[in-house]
């Protein structure tokens, strides 16, 4: 199966790809952040600041973890000047 997209279901839980969870090149922190973000609705305000307000990690930690996910190809994002 060759797909880069994960199908999201309209239910009150998240299903995460076993391929993602089994990726030995990712830290547990990166897997946790991805799962947290994946559980949010599509219109969630995904900024470093908004994530740091909801999590114990600071902005630098979240930024570094997002970079890890981006480098490994699990997320893509555009950083806008306003955050």
C-alpha atoms as a PDB file:
ATOM      1  CA  UNK A   1       0.000   0.000   0.000  1.00  0.00           C
ATOM      2  CA  UNK A   2       1.624   3.214  -1.139  1.00  0.00           C
ATOM      3  CA  UNK A   3      -0.105   6.217   0.370  1.00  0.00           C
ATOM      4  CA  UNK A   4       1.191   9.297   2.126  1.00  0.00           C
ATOM      5  CA  UNK A   5      -2.195  10.202   3.544  1.00  0.00           C
ATOM      6  CA  UNK A   6      -3.888   8.862   6.615  1.00  0.00           C
ATOM      7  CA  UNK A   7      -7.653   8.533   6.426  1.00  0.00           C
ATOM      8  CA  UNK A   8      -9.369  10.310   9.315  1.00  0.00           C
ATOM      9  CA  UNK A   9     -12.675   9.022  10.579  1.00  0.00           C
ATOM     10  CA  UNK A  10     -15.408  11.225  12.064  1.00  0.00           C
ATOM     11  CA  UNK A  11     -15.364   9.639  15.518  1.00  0.00           C
ATOM     12  CA  UNK A  12     -14.252  10.724  18.986  1.00  0.00           C
ATOM     13  CA  UNK A  13     -10.924   8.920  18.820  1.00  0.00           C
ATOM     14  CA  UNK A  14      -7.886   8.949  16.573  1.00  0.00           C
ATOM     15  CA  UNK A  15      -6.457   6.119  14.539  1.00  0.00           C
ATOM     16  CA  UNK A  16      -2.724   6.409  14.005  1.00  0.00           C
ATOM     17  CA  UNK A  17      -0.861   4.464  11.357  1.00  0.00           C
ATOM     18  CA  UNK A  18       1.206   1.560  12.684  1.00  0.00           C
ATOM     19  CA  UNK A  19       3.817   2.506  10.085  1.00  0.00           C
ATOM     20  CA  UNK A  20       4.198   5.869  11.809  1.00  0.00           C
ATOM     21  CA  UNK A  21       4.271   4.425  15.326  1.00  0.00           C
ATOM     22  CA  UNK A  22       6.858   1.819  14.273  1.00  0.00           C
ATOM     23  CA  UNK A  23       9.209   4.369  12.691  1.00  0.00           C
ATOM     24  CA  UNK A  24      12.435   3.771  14.651  1.00  0.00           C
ATOM     25  CA  UNK A  25      13.939   7.002  13.334  1.00  0.00           C
ATOM     26  CA  UNK A  26      11.458   9.124  15.322  1.00  0.00           C
ATOM     27  CA  UNK A  27      11.746  10.027  18.984  1.00  0.00           C
ATOM     28  CA  UNK A  28       8.951   9.191  21.377  1.00  0.00           C
ATOM     29  CA  UNK A  29       8.467  12.941  21.812  1.00  0.00           C
ATOM     30  CA  UNK A  30       7.882  13.374  18.073  1.00  0.00           C
ATOM     31  CA  UNK A  31       5.396  10.509  18.045  1.00  0.00           C
ATOM     32  CA  UNK A  32       3.548  12.035  20.988  1.00  0.00           C
ATOM     33  CA  UNK A  33       3.357  15.500  19.436  1.00  0.00           C
ATOM     34  CA  UNK A  34       2.142  14.057  16.142  1.00  0.00           C
ATOM     35  CA  UNK A  35      -0.577  12.050  17.917  1.00  0.00           C
ATOM     36  CA  UNK A  36      -1.659  15.113  19.906  1.00  0.00           C
ATOM     37  CA  UNK A  37      -1.835  17.261  16.778  1.00  0.00           C
ATOM     38  CA  UNK A  38      -3.594  14.535  14.809  1.00  0.00           C
ATOM     39  CA  UNK A  39      -6.337  14.424  17.440  1.00  0.00           C
ATOM     40  CA  UNK A  40      -7.208  18.089  16.846  1.00  0.00           C
ATOM     41  CA  UNK A  41      -9.833  19.239  14.319  1.00  0.00           C
ATOM     42  CA  UNK A  42      -8.709  20.392  10.872  1.00  0.00           C
ATOM     43  CA  UNK A  43      -9.430  24.030  11.736  1.00  0.00           C
ATOM     44  CA  UNK A  44      -7.275  23.976  14.886  1.00  0.00           C
ATOM     45  CA  UNK A  45      -4.847  26.903  15.189  1.00  0.00           C
ATOM     46  CA  UNK A  46      -1.566  24.997  14.800  1.00  0.00           C
ATOM     47  CA  UNK A  47       0.978  27.548  15.953  1.00  0.00           C
ATOM     48  CA  UNK A  48       3.982  26.984  18.175  1.00  0.00           C
ATOM     49  CA  UNK A  49       2.445  29.367  20.692  1.00  0.00           C
ATOM     50  CA  UNK A  50      -0.961  27.651  20.757  1.00  0.00           C
ATOM     51  CA  UNK A  51       0.642  24.218  21.139  1.00  0.00           C
ATOM     52  CA  UNK A  52       2.927  25.396  23.954  1.00  0.00           C
ATOM     53  CA  UNK A  53      -0.104  26.706  25.861  1.00  0.00           C
ATOM     54  CA  UNK A  54      -1.691  23.249  25.760  1.00  0.00           C
ATOM     55  CA  UNK A  55       1.428  21.192  26.463  1.00  0.00           C
ATOM     56  CA  UNK A  56       4.176  21.147  29.098  1.00  0.00           C
ATOM     57  CA  UNK A  57       6.863  21.651  26.449  1.00  0.00           C
ATOM     58  CA  UNK A  58       8.092  25.121  25.645  1.00  0.00           C
ATOM     59  CA  UNK A  59       8.092  26.765  22.235  1.00  0.00           C
ATOM     60  CA  UNK A  60      11.698  25.823  21.400  1.00  0.00           C
ATOM     61  CA  UNK A  61      11.066  22.176  22.237  1.00  0.00           C
ATOM     62  CA  UNK A  62       7.924  22.084  20.104  1.00  0.00           C
ATOM     63  CA  UNK A  63       9.701  23.834  17.233  1.00  0.00           C
ATOM     64  CA  UNK A  64      12.548  21.299  17.345  1.00  0.00           C
ATOM     65  CA  UNK A  65      10.112  18.380  17.488  1.00  0.00           C
ATOM     66  CA  UNK A  66       8.115  19.721  14.532  1.00  0.00           C
ATOM     67  CA  UNK A  67      11.375  20.056  12.615  1.00  0.00           C
ATOM     68  CA  UNK A  68      12.144  16.385  13.366  1.00  0.00           C
ATOM     69  CA  UNK A  69       8.736  15.365  12.008  1.00  0.00           C
ATOM     70  CA  UNK A  70       9.197  17.582   8.960  1.00  0.00           C
ATOM     71  CA  UNK A  71      12.681  16.246   8.146  1.00  0.00           C
ATOM     72  CA  UNK A  72      11.402  12.661   8.408  1.00  0.00           C
ATOM     73  CA  UNK A  73       8.482  13.517   6.087  1.00  0.00           C
ATOM     74  CA  UNK A  74       5.618  13.001   8.534  1.00  0.00           C
ATOM     75  CA  UNK A  75       4.396  16.599   8.537  1.00  0.00           C
ATOM     76  CA  UNK A  76       4.634  19.553   6.234  1.00  0.00           C
ATOM     77  CA  UNK A  77       3.863  23.092   7.198  1.00  0.00           C
ATOM     78  CA  UNK A  78       4.282  26.687   6.200  1.00  0.00           C
ATOM     79  CA  UNK A  79       5.531  29.148   8.762  1.00  0.00           C
ATOM     80  CA  UNK A  80       3.910  32.538   8.388  1.00  0.00           C
ATOM     81  CA  UNK A  81       5.499  35.764   9.694  1.00  0.00           C
ATOM     82  CA  UNK A  82       2.750  36.145  12.326  1.00  0.00           C
ATOM     83  CA  UNK A  83       3.509  32.729  13.837  1.00  0.00           C
END
